[in-house]
Amino acid sequence: MPQQKKEEKTIKQRVIDFISHVPTKYPYIVIPVVLILTIISLWSMRNLQIKLSFFDELPPDHPQVKRFKYVAENYGGTDFIFIAIEGENLSEMKMCAEKIEDELKKMPEIKSVRGKIDVDFFKKHALFYLEEKRLSELVDLMRRRKDEIAQLFLNLEFPEFISAWSDIISKEILERENLNEDETDEFVKSISNIRNWVAEISKSILKGEVDKEKYKSSFEKAFLMMGDTTREDYSINQDYLISQDMSTILISAFPTKPADDYGFNKIIYNKIMNMKERVSEGPCKNTKLHIGGNYIALEEQRRIALKDMQRTGTISLLSSLIIFFITFRGFIGAAMMGTFLITGVILAFGFLMISYGYVTLISALFGSILIGMGIDYGVYAFSHWKEQLNEGKDRISAIKFGILKLISPTLQSAITTSVGFLCVYISQIKGAKILSVVSAAGILIYLILSWFFMPSIIRYTSKYLLGIKAS
């Protein structure tokens, strides 16, 4: 047993000795290898995707995700793009809408467009869109009240026609429907409002002029009011989906693929924005175009996330470099630490591309976290080297003995931190899983860099660093 323990200690010591010798004897191998891996990682990042859909965060076997995938695979998804045309001139708005609709239909990525409505067609074929039950009820009504309906057409004056038709409908509803007392009162009130509107028309015909305020009031009570609630229905006579105040036309487009296809989403976003720019200089120059929908929102969110990743990473890096510049009182030390930090982050992204290939909103900012935690390992390597110099070692020996003292505490620290991150992996949220794995791997990457890469850099820059006194 004692001999076995001695042998184990010897193996451990050999490993430690090997690690401590590599940066001093083979820095010309370590630095190119790390550089090649960094370039490969950087190259792989060109395909990095940022998935921001709610479904990208849920487990793949979640019922909602399964339903969403089923709809996406069989029907192309439920996502759409809307374009709201806002203006003051309805004719110009319709011209703009026609142009946008034509542009959208030319795009192969667009499956269908909901824009102009064939009003005449629906007026002529309205009965075809009734359910069979409703058609039967209509036929039954015509048969039972054929004499009353025939009387309608004996007098073709509009007011009398409307009054007679209202009487027929009111009788039919009161006989057929089982209305309670409140509903009956409400219905009788609505019929009375229609009759008042007809009476107002009759007065206008007799007088030869229209009292606009009274007519407007009677019309609103008859057709636009139900109790105290205003009806928001669109008129069947409008050939576009137009807002009640006639200030906005809405056009909807349904692409061929769902919004979570991020490569496709980027293409459709660029095409829609280019189209907006073109039509804004032409038939839509006097209108305002508002574009939205899942495709637009996800792409803009993706771009914001990319900017945030770049911004937070850059600020974190620059802050560290400024601190190092002040600490080392020179450019060489700051550049050395900056190289260490950047290399670690890029290699961590390379690991991300191998393991996942994408990030979600939760895991998108892990780069800044790594910079904040990984810098400790670079500082440890440099501090131990300076400590050995202060003890009288030469600049090369100081690297070796510094690593010998560095290995054990940094290994324990890295393992503890990595295990802490990996505990998050039990989360069902996919972004949290990615964050845990990549952050844990990033810590270990910085650990290895502090053993090999950082000492190798010190090996080549030690002549310049010897004159530096860290404050």
Protein backbone atom coordinates (compact mmCIF):
# COMPACT_ATOMS: atom_id res chain seq x y z
CA MET A 1 0.00 0.00 0.00
CA PRO A 2 2.74 2.58 0.82
CA GLN A 3 4.44 1.74 -2.45
CA GLN A 4 1.15 2.27 -4.35
CA LYS A 5 0.64 5.68 -2.72
CA LYS A 6 4.18 6.64 -3.63
CA GLU A 7 3.57 5.55 -7.22
CA GLU A 8 0.33 7.56 -7.40
CA LYS A 9 2.13 10.60 -6.07
CA THR A 10 4.85 10.13 -8.65
CA ILE A 11 2.32 10.00 -11.50
CA LYS A 12 0.62 13.12 -10.19
CA GLN A 13 3.95 14.87 -9.87
CA ARG A 14 4.91 13.85 -13.38
CA VAL A 15 1.73 15.37 -14.75
CA ILE A 16 2.33 18.59 -12.82
CA ASP A 17 5.95 18.70 -13.96
CA PHE A 18 4.87 18.17 -17.56
CA ILE A 19 2.37 21.03 -17.35
CA SER A 20 4.96 23.35 -15.81
CA HIS A 21 7.62 22.50 -18.42
CA VAL A 22 5.48 22.89 -21.56
CA PRO A 23 5.15 26.72 -21.54
CA THR A 24 8.87 27.23 -20.91
CA LYS A 25 10.16 24.63 -23.37
CA TYR A 26 7.50 24.60 -26.09
CA PRO A 27 5.83 28.02 -26.24
CA TYR A 28 6.36 28.02 -30.00
CA ILE A 29 4.00 25.01 -30.15
CA VAL A 30 1.45 26.12 -27.55
CA ILE A 31 0.77 29.55 -29.03
CA PRO A 32 0.26 28.37 -32.67
CA VAL A 33 -2.00 25.51 -31.51
CA VAL A 34 -4.15 27.90 -29.48
CA LEU A 35 -4.14 30.36 -32.37
CA ILE A 36 -5.33 27.69 -34.83
CA LEU A 37 -8.10 26.57 -32.48
CA THR A 38 -9.12 30.20 -32.01
CA ILE A 39 -9.31 30.79 -35.77
CA ILE A 40 -11.38 27.62 -36.24
CA SER A 41 -13.73 28.69 -33.45
CA LEU A 42 -14.02 32.17 -34.90
CA TRP A 43 -14.79 30.71 -38.33
CA SER A 44 -17.49 28.45 -36.90
CA MET A 45 -19.21 31.42 -35.27
CA ARG A 46 -20.34 32.69 -38.65
CA ASN A 47 -23.17 30.12 -38.45
CA LEU A 48 -24.20 31.05 -34.91
CA GLN A 49 -27.96 31.28 -34.53
CA ILE A 50 -29.90 33.15 -31.88
CA LYS A 51 -33.21 31.40 -31.23
CA LEU A 52 -35.65 33.69 -29.49
CA SER A 53 -38.97 31.92 -29.85
CA PHE A 54 -40.81 30.94 -26.69
CA PHE A 55 -40.90 27.36 -27.98
CA ASP A 56 -37.10 27.29 -28.25
CA GLU A 57 -36.89 27.51 -24.46
CA LEU A 58 -39.31 24.65 -23.74
CA PRO A 59 -38.34 20.95 -23.70
CA PRO A 60 -38.85 19.28 -27.12
CA ASP A 61 -41.34 16.79 -25.64
CA HIS A 62 -43.54 19.50 -24.13
CA PRO A 63 -47.17 19.21 -25.40
CA GLN A 64 -47.23 22.82 -26.60
CA VAL A 65 -44.03 22.32 -28.59
CA LYS A 66 -45.41 19.16 -30.19
CA ARG A 67 -48.61 20.94 -31.21
CA PHE A 68 -46.66 23.87 -32.58
CA LYS A 69 -44.39 21.59 -34.63
CA TYR A 70 -47.40 19.70 -35.97
CA VAL A 71 -49.04 22.92 -37.15
CA ALA A 72 -45.75 24.20 -38.57
CA GLU A 73 -45.07 21.00 -40.51
CA ASN A 74 -48.60 20.54 -41.85
CA TYR A 75 -49.85 24.09 -42.30
CA GLY A 76 -46.73 26.25 -42.44
CA GLY A 77 -47.27 27.66 -38.96
CA THR A 78 -49.67 30.22 -37.54
CA ASP A 79 -47.37 33.24 -37.83
CA PHE A 80 -48.04 36.14 -40.15
CA ILE A 81 -46.85 39.60 -41.14
CA PHE A 82 -49.14 42.61 -41.05
CA ILE A 83 -48.72 45.94 -42.78
CA ALA A 84 -50.85 48.82 -41.53
CA ILE A 85 -51.24 51.73 -43.96
CA GLU A 86 -52.07 54.94 -42.16
CA GLY A 87 -53.13 58.10 -43.95
CA GLU A 88 -55.70 60.83 -44.42
CA ASN A 89 -56.68 60.24 -48.05
CA LEU A 90 -58.55 56.94 -48.47
CA SER A 91 -57.95 56.80 -52.23
CA GLU A 92 -54.20 57.17 -51.77
CA MET A 93 -54.26 54.56 -49.02
CA LYS A 94 -56.02 52.10 -51.34
CA MET A 95 -53.51 52.75 -54.12
CA CYS A 96 -50.73 52.09 -51.65
CA ALA A 97 -52.48 48.90 -50.47
CA GLU A 98 -52.77 47.62 -54.05
CA LYS A 99 -49.07 48.20 -54.66
CA ILE A 100 -48.04 46.48 -51.43
CA GLU A 101 -50.33 43.54 -52.17
CA ASP A 102 -48.79 43.14 -55.63
CA GLU A 103 -45.27 43.32 -54.19
CA LEU A 104 -46.05 40.70 -51.56
CA LYS A 105 -47.58 38.30 -54.08
CA LYS A 106 -44.38 38.43 -56.15
CA MET A 107 -42.31 37.10 -53.24
CA PRO A 108 -41.85 33.30 -53.40
CA GLU A 109 -41.56 33.27 -49.60
CA ILE A 110 -45.17 34.48 -49.23
CA LYS A 111 -47.85 31.80 -49.34
CA SER A 112 -50.92 34.04 -49.34
CA VAL A 113 -51.92 37.68 -48.91
CA ARG A 114 -55.09 39.01 -47.31
CA GLY A 115 -55.68 42.41 -48.82
CA LYS A 116 -58.37 43.54 -51.22
CA ILE A 117 -61.76 41.91 -50.74
CA ASP A 118 -64.00 41.09 -53.70
CA VAL A 119 -67.08 42.79 -52.25
CA ASP A 120 -69.25 42.27 -55.33
CA PHE A 121 -68.56 38.55 -55.31
CA PHE A 122 -69.63 38.18 -51.67
CA LYS A 123 -72.73 40.27 -52.24
CA LYS A 124 -73.80 38.06 -55.13
CA HIS A 125 -72.89 34.78 -53.48
CA ALA A 126 -73.61 35.53 -49.82
CA LEU A 127 -76.08 32.66 -49.50
CA PHE A 128 -73.37 30.16 -50.48
CA TYR A 129 -71.54 30.99 -47.26
CA LEU A 130 -74.47 30.23 -44.98
CA GLU A 131 -74.54 26.96 -43.09
CA GLU A 132 -77.09 24.41 -44.26
CA LYS A 133 -79.05 24.88 -41.05
CA ARG A 134 -79.28 28.63 -41.62
CA LEU A 135 -80.35 28.14 -45.22
CA SER A 136 -83.11 25.77 -44.10
CA GLU A 137 -84.30 28.33 -41.58
CA LEU A 138 -84.36 31.00 -44.29
CA VAL A 139 -86.36 28.77 -46.64
CA ASP A 140 -88.77 27.97 -43.82
CA LEU A 141 -89.20 31.68 -43.10
CA MET A 142 -89.93 32.47 -46.75
CA ARG A 143 -92.55 29.70 -46.94
CA ARG A 144 -94.36 30.53 -43.72
CA ARG A 145 -94.47 34.26 -44.33
CA LYS A 146 -94.69 34.32 -48.10
CA ASP A 147 -97.85 36.45 -48.09
CA GLU A 148 -96.30 39.08 -45.80
CA ILE A 149 -93.10 39.12 -47.85
CA ALA A 150 -95.11 39.45 -51.06
CA GLN A 151 -96.81 42.54 -49.61
CA LEU A 152 -93.37 44.12 -49.14
CA PHE A 153 -92.86 44.46 -52.86
CA LEU A 154 -96.24 46.02 -53.54
CA ASN A 155 -94.97 49.28 -52.08
CA LEU A 156 -91.38 49.98 -53.07
CA GLU A 157 -90.97 53.15 -51.05
CA PHE A 158 -87.91 52.67 -48.87
CA PRO A 159 -89.29 53.74 -45.45
CA GLU A 160 -92.38 51.56 -45.76
CA PHE A 161 -90.29 48.65 -47.00
CA ILE A 162 -87.92 48.83 -44.01
CA SER A 163 -90.78 49.19 -41.52
CA ALA A 164 -92.64 46.20 -42.94
CA TRP A 165 -89.49 44.08 -43.02
CA SER A 166 -88.71 45.02 -39.40
CA ASP A 167 -92.19 43.89 -38.39
CA ILE A 168 -91.70 40.52 -40.06
CA ILE A 169 -88.29 39.97 -38.45
CA SER A 170 -89.47 41.05 -35.00
CA LYS A 171 -92.45 38.67 -35.14
CA GLU A 172 -90.22 35.83 -36.30
CA ILE A 173 -87.64 36.32 -33.56
CA LEU A 174 -90.19 36.74 -30.78
CA GLU A 175 -92.01 33.57 -31.87
CA ARG A 176 -88.93 31.42 -32.46
CA GLU A 177 -86.44 32.50 -29.82
CA ASN A 178 -86.84 31.76 -26.14
CA LEU A 179 -85.99 35.21 -24.80
CA ASN A 180 -86.07 36.20 -21.16
CA GLU A 181 -87.65 39.46 -20.03
CA ASP A 182 -84.47 41.54 -20.26
CA GLU A 183 -83.59 40.17 -23.71
CA THR A 184 -87.13 40.83 -24.93
CA ASP A 185 -86.98 44.43 -23.73
CA GLU A 186 -83.60 44.90 -25.39
CA PHE A 187 -84.86 43.44 -28.65
CA VAL A 188 -88.02 45.56 -28.66
CA LYS A 189 -85.86 48.59 -27.99
CA SER A 190 -83.61 47.79 -30.96
CA ILE A 191 -86.64 47.39 -33.26
CA SER A 192 -87.99 50.70 -31.99
CA ASN A 193 -84.67 52.34 -32.81
CA ILE A 194 -84.86 51.04 -36.38
CA ARG A 195 -88.39 52.41 -36.72
CA ASN A 196 -87.25 55.78 -35.37
CA TRP A 197 -84.49 55.82 -37.97
CA VAL A 198 -87.04 55.05 -40.72
CA ALA A 199 -89.30 57.78 -39.37
CA GLU A 200 -86.42 60.24 -39.55
CA ILE A 201 -85.89 59.29 -43.20
CA SER A 202 -89.60 59.83 -43.91
CA LYS A 203 -89.49 63.29 -42.33
CA SER A 204 -86.44 64.18 -44.39
CA ILE A 205 -88.20 63.11 -47.60
CA LEU A 206 -91.28 65.17 -46.76
CA LYS A 207 -89.28 68.26 -45.75
CA GLY A 208 -86.83 67.95 -48.61
CA GLU A 209 -83.87 68.36 -46.28
CA VAL A 210 -81.99 66.23 -43.76
CA ASP A 211 -81.37 67.13 -40.14
CA LYS A 212 -77.87 65.67 -39.99
CA GLU A 213 -77.63 65.53 -36.21
CA LYS A 214 -80.98 63.78 -35.74
CA TYR A 215 -80.30 61.39 -38.60
CA LYS A 216 -76.86 60.53 -37.23
CA SER A 217 -78.26 59.97 -33.75
CA SER A 218 -81.09 57.73 -34.96
CA PHE A 219 -78.76 55.76 -37.23
CA GLU A 220 -76.24 55.12 -34.44
CA LYS A 221 -78.97 53.94 -32.08
CA ALA A 222 -80.42 51.66 -34.73
CA PHE A 223 -77.25 50.03 -36.05
CA LEU A 224 -74.16 50.98 -34.07
CA MET A 225 -75.34 50.71 -30.49
CA MET A 226 -76.34 47.70 -28.42
CA GLY A 227 -77.07 48.93 -24.95
CA ASP A 228 -74.01 50.98 -24.01
CA THR A 229 -71.56 49.05 -26.22
CA THR A 230 -70.48 50.33 -29.62
CA ARG A 231 -70.24 47.73 -32.36
CA GLU A 232 -66.83 47.52 -33.98
CA ASP A 233 -67.87 45.52 -37.04
CA TYR A 234 -66.41 46.37 -40.42
CA SER A 235 -68.69 47.35 -43.26
CA ILE A 236 -69.36 44.75 -45.92
CA ASN A 237 -69.17 47.51 -48.50
CA GLN A 238 -65.47 48.18 -47.89
CA ASP A 239 -63.08 46.42 -50.25
CA TYR A 240 -60.27 46.48 -47.65
CA LEU A 241 -60.03 45.86 -43.94
CA ILE A 242 -60.34 49.49 -42.87
CA SER A 243 -60.48 50.86 -39.35
CA GLN A 244 -63.67 52.50 -38.09
CA ASP A 245 -62.17 55.99 -38.33
CA MET A 246 -61.11 55.25 -41.94
CA SER A 247 -57.50 56.12 -41.13
CA THR A 248 -55.85 52.70 -41.47
CA ILE A 249 -55.90 49.81 -43.94
CA LEU A 250 -54.59 46.45 -42.78
CA ILE A 251 -52.91 43.88 -45.05
CA SER A 252 -51.80 40.45 -43.81
CA ALA A 253 -49.22 38.16 -45.40
CA PHE A 254 -48.62 34.49 -44.56
CA PRO A 255 -45.11 33.21 -45.38
CA THR A 256 -44.40 29.64 -46.47
CA LYS A 257 -42.33 28.74 -43.40
CA PRO A 258 -42.82 29.37 -39.67
CA ALA A 259 -41.10 32.24 -37.89
CA ASP A 260 -38.76 29.96 -35.94
CA ASP A 261 -36.87 29.17 -39.16
CA TYR A 262 -34.29 31.88 -38.51
CA GLY A 263 -32.50 31.70 -41.85
CA PHE A 264 -35.82 32.09 -43.65
CA ASN A 265 -36.90 34.75 -41.18
CA LYS A 266 -33.86 36.87 -41.98
CA ILE A 267 -34.58 36.65 -45.72
CA ILE A 268 -38.25 37.58 -45.40
CA TYR A 269 -37.42 40.45 -43.04
CA ASN A 270 -34.93 41.98 -45.47
CA LYS A 271 -37.35 41.62 -48.39
CA ILE A 272 -40.22 43.23 -46.50
CA MET A 273 -38.06 46.14 -45.37
CA ASN A 274 -36.71 46.66 -48.90
CA MET A 275 -40.27 46.64 -50.22
CA LYS A 276 -41.27 49.22 -47.61
CA GLU A 277 -38.45 51.47 -48.74
CA ARG A 278 -39.44 51.14 -52.41
CA VAL A 279 -43.15 51.80 -52.02
CA SER A 280 -42.52 54.67 -49.59
CA GLU A 281 -40.88 56.53 -52.44
CA GLY A 282 -43.76 55.74 -54.81
CA PRO A 283 -47.50 55.28 -54.27
CA CYS A 284 -47.15 55.22 -50.48
CA LYS A 285 -45.20 58.45 -50.11
CA ASN A 286 -48.13 60.24 -48.45
CA THR A 287 -48.87 57.43 -46.02
CA LYS A 288 -47.22 55.88 -42.99
CA LEU A 289 -46.40 52.18 -43.09
CA HIS A 290 -46.33 50.16 -39.88
CA ILE A 291 -44.95 46.63 -40.23
CA GLY A 292 -45.24 43.96 -37.56
CA GLY A 293 -45.97 40.33 -36.78
CA ASN A 294 -43.96 37.42 -35.40
CA TYR A 295 -41.44 37.38 -38.24
CA ILE A 296 -40.60 41.05 -37.86
CA ALA A 297 -40.55 40.96 -34.05
CA LEU A 298 -38.29 37.89 -33.84
CA GLU A 299 -35.81 39.23 -36.38
CA GLU A 300 -35.60 42.61 -34.66
CA GLN A 301 -35.25 40.87 -31.31
CA ARG A 302 -32.45 38.75 -32.77
CA ARG A 303 -30.64 41.86 -33.99
CA ILE A 304 -31.03 43.52 -30.61
CA ALA A 305 -29.64 40.39 -28.92
CA LEU A 306 -26.63 40.43 -31.26
CA LYS A 307 -25.99 44.08 -30.48
CA ASP A 308 -26.33 43.37 -26.76
CA MET A 309 -23.84 40.51 -27.01
CA GLN A 310 -21.37 42.73 -28.83
CA ARG A 311 -21.99 45.71 -26.57
CA THR A 312 -21.77 43.88 -23.25
CA GLY A 313 -18.75 41.84 -24.34
CA THR A 314 -16.92 44.91 -25.62
CA ILE A 315 -17.65 46.97 -22.51
CA SER A 316 -16.58 44.09 -20.26
CA LEU A 317 -13.36 43.62 -22.23
CA LEU A 318 -12.52 47.33 -22.41
CA SER A 319 -13.19 47.77 -18.70
CA SER A 320 -10.78 44.93 -17.93
CA LEU A 321 -8.15 46.34 -20.28
CA ILE A 322 -8.37 49.78 -18.71
CA ILE A 323 -7.92 48.28 -15.26
CA PHE A 324 -4.94 46.23 -16.47
CA PHE A 325 -3.41 49.23 -18.20
CA ILE A 326 -3.58 51.17 -14.94
CA THR A 327 -2.38 48.19 -12.90
CA PHE A 328 0.57 47.28 -15.12
CA ARG A 329 1.31 50.89 -16.04
CA GLY A 330 1.85 49.95 -19.65
CA PHE A 331 0.41 48.58 -22.84
CA ILE A 332 2.17 45.18 -22.89
CA GLY A 333 0.55 43.84 -19.74
CA ALA A 334 -2.90 45.07 -20.77
CA ALA A 335 -2.50 43.58 -24.26
CA MET A 336 -1.38 40.27 -22.76
CA MET A 337 -4.44 40.06 -20.53
CA GLY A 338 -6.71 41.20 -23.35
CA THR A 339 -5.37 38.45 -25.60
CA PHE A 340 -5.99 35.90 -22.85
CA LEU A 341 -9.58 37.08 -22.35
CA ILE A 342 -10.51 37.25 -26.02
CA THR A 343 -9.00 33.85 -26.75
CA GLY A 344 -10.96 32.22 -23.94
CA VAL A 345 -14.28 33.69 -25.06
CA ILE A 346 -13.73 32.70 -28.70
CA LEU A 347 -12.81 29.14 -27.73
CA ALA A 348 -15.91 28.98 -25.54
CA PHE A 349 -18.01 30.04 -28.52
CA GLY A 350 -16.27 27.34 -30.54
CA PHE A 351 -17.34 24.78 -27.95
CA LEU A 352 -20.86 26.22 -28.15
CA MET A 353 -20.92 25.70 -31.92
CA ILE A 354 -19.80 22.09 -31.53
CA SER A 355 -22.25 21.25 -28.75
CA TYR A 356 -25.34 23.27 -29.70
CA GLY A 357 -24.77 25.66 -32.60
CA TYR A 358 -27.10 28.31 -31.24
CA VAL A 359 -27.98 30.38 -28.20
CA THR A 360 -31.31 31.47 -26.79
CA LEU A 361 -32.23 34.72 -25.11
CA ILE A 362 -31.29 33.35 -21.68
CA SER A 363 -27.86 32.10 -22.77
CA ALA A 364 -27.00 34.88 -25.23
CA LEU A 365 -24.94 36.98 -22.82
CA PHE A 366 -22.74 34.24 -21.39
CA GLY A 367 -19.66 35.83 -23.03
CA SER A 368 -19.68 38.74 -20.58
CA ILE A 369 -20.09 36.31 -17.69
CA LEU A 370 -17.07 34.33 -18.86
CA ILE A 371 -14.92 37.43 -19.21
CA GLY A 372 -15.77 38.43 -15.65
CA MET A 373 -14.95 34.98 -14.26
CA GLY A 374 -12.18 33.88 -16.62
CA ILE A 375 -9.98 36.88 -15.98
CA ASP A 376 -9.22 35.53 -12.51
CA TYR A 377 -7.22 32.67 -13.99
CA GLY A 378 -5.09 35.00 -16.08
CA VAL A 379 -4.44 37.18 -13.05
CA TYR A 380 -3.49 34.10 -11.00
CA ALA A 381 -0.91 33.03 -13.59
CA PHE A 382 0.64 36.48 -13.81
CA SER A 383 0.62 37.02 -10.02
CA HIS A 384 2.35 33.70 -9.31
CA TRP A 385 5.00 34.54 -11.88
CA LYS A 386 5.62 37.93 -10.24
CA GLU A 387 5.72 36.26 -6.84
CA GLN A 388 8.46 33.89 -7.98
CA LEU A 389 10.42 36.81 -9.41
CA ASN A 390 10.23 38.56 -6.06
CA GLU A 391 11.63 35.42 -4.43
CA GLY A 392 14.72 35.66 -6.64
CA LYS A 393 13.90 33.31 -9.51
CA ASP A 394 14.95 34.22 -13.03
CA ARG A 395 12.21 35.07 -15.52
CA ILE A 396 12.05 31.56 -17.07
CA SER A 397 12.28 29.60 -13.83
CA ALA A 398 9.66 31.89 -12.33
CA ILE A 399 7.21 30.70 -14.99
CA LYS A 400 7.79 27.05 -14.12
CA PHE A 401 7.59 27.45 -10.35
CA GLY A 402 4.64 29.81 -10.68
CA ILE A 403 2.71 27.13 -12.57
CA LEU A 404 3.61 24.53 -9.96
CA LYS A 405 1.94 26.65 -7.30
CA LEU A 406 -0.90 27.62 -9.61
CA ILE A 407 -2.18 24.19 -10.65
CA SER A 408 -3.73 22.89 -7.44
CA PRO A 409 -5.74 25.95 -6.28
CA THR A 410 -6.95 26.89 -9.77
CA LEU A 411 -7.97 23.30 -10.51
CA GLN A 412 -10.06 23.17 -7.36
CA SER A 413 -11.57 26.57 -8.10
CA ALA A 414 -12.41 25.69 -11.71
CA ILE A 415 -13.97 22.33 -10.83
CA THR A 416 -16.07 23.87 -8.06
CA THR A 417 -17.29 26.68 -10.30
CA SER A 418 -17.98 24.37 -13.25
CA VAL A 419 -19.94 21.93 -11.10
CA GLY A 420 -21.96 24.86 -9.79
CA PHE A 421 -22.84 25.87 -13.34
CA LEU A 422 -23.64 22.29 -14.34
CA CYS A 423 -26.19 22.05 -11.54
CA VAL A 424 -28.34 24.42 -13.58
CA TYR A 425 -28.53 21.73 -16.27
CA ILE A 426 -31.43 20.05 -14.45
CA SER A 427 -33.59 23.01 -15.51
CA GLN A 428 -36.22 22.26 -18.17
CA ILE A 429 -35.55 25.60 -19.84
CA LYS A 430 -33.26 24.99 -22.79
CA GLY A 431 -31.50 28.35 -22.51
CA ALA A 432 -30.55 27.58 -18.91
CA LYS A 433 -29.13 24.21 -19.99
CA ILE A 434 -27.00 25.86 -22.68
CA LEU A 435 -25.81 28.52 -20.24
CA SER A 436 -24.79 25.88 -17.69
CA VAL A 437 -22.85 23.67 -20.12
CA VAL A 438 -21.07 26.43 -22.03
CA SER A 439 -20.20 28.42 -18.90
CA ALA A 440 -18.80 25.31 -17.21
CA ALA A 441 -16.77 24.50 -20.32
CA GLY A 442 -15.63 28.13 -20.57
CA ILE A 443 -14.25 28.05 -17.03
CA LEU A 444 -12.27 24.89 -17.82
CA ILE A 445 -11.01 26.49 -21.04
CA TYR A 446 -9.71 29.48 -19.09
CA LEU A 447 -8.12 27.07 -16.60
CA ILE A 448 -6.19 25.30 -19.36
CA LEU A 449 -5.21 28.61 -20.94
CA SER A 450 -3.85 29.81 -17.59
CA TRP A 451 -1.64 26.71 -17.40
CA PHE A 452 -0.32 26.75 -20.96
CA PHE A 453 -1.25 29.79 -23.03
CA MET A 454 -0.77 32.59 -20.50
CA PRO A 455 2.66 31.33 -19.33
CA SER A 456 3.71 30.94 -22.99
CA ILE A 457 2.81 34.58 -23.61
CA ILE A 458 4.74 35.57 -20.50
CA ARG A 459 7.66 33.54 -21.83
CA TYR A 460 7.90 35.80 -24.88
CA THR A 461 6.97 39.08 -23.21
CA SER A 462 8.86 38.62 -19.93
CA LYS A 463 11.70 40.91 -21.04
CA TYR A 464 9.22 43.77 -21.40
CA LEU A 465 7.32 42.84 -18.26
CA LEU A 466 10.37 42.72 -15.98
CA GLY A 467 10.39 46.46 -15.70
CA ILE A 468 6.73 46.58 -14.72
CA LYS A 469 5.77 46.88 -11.09
CA ALA A 470 2.16 45.96 -10.59
CA SER A 471 0.42 48.49 -8.39
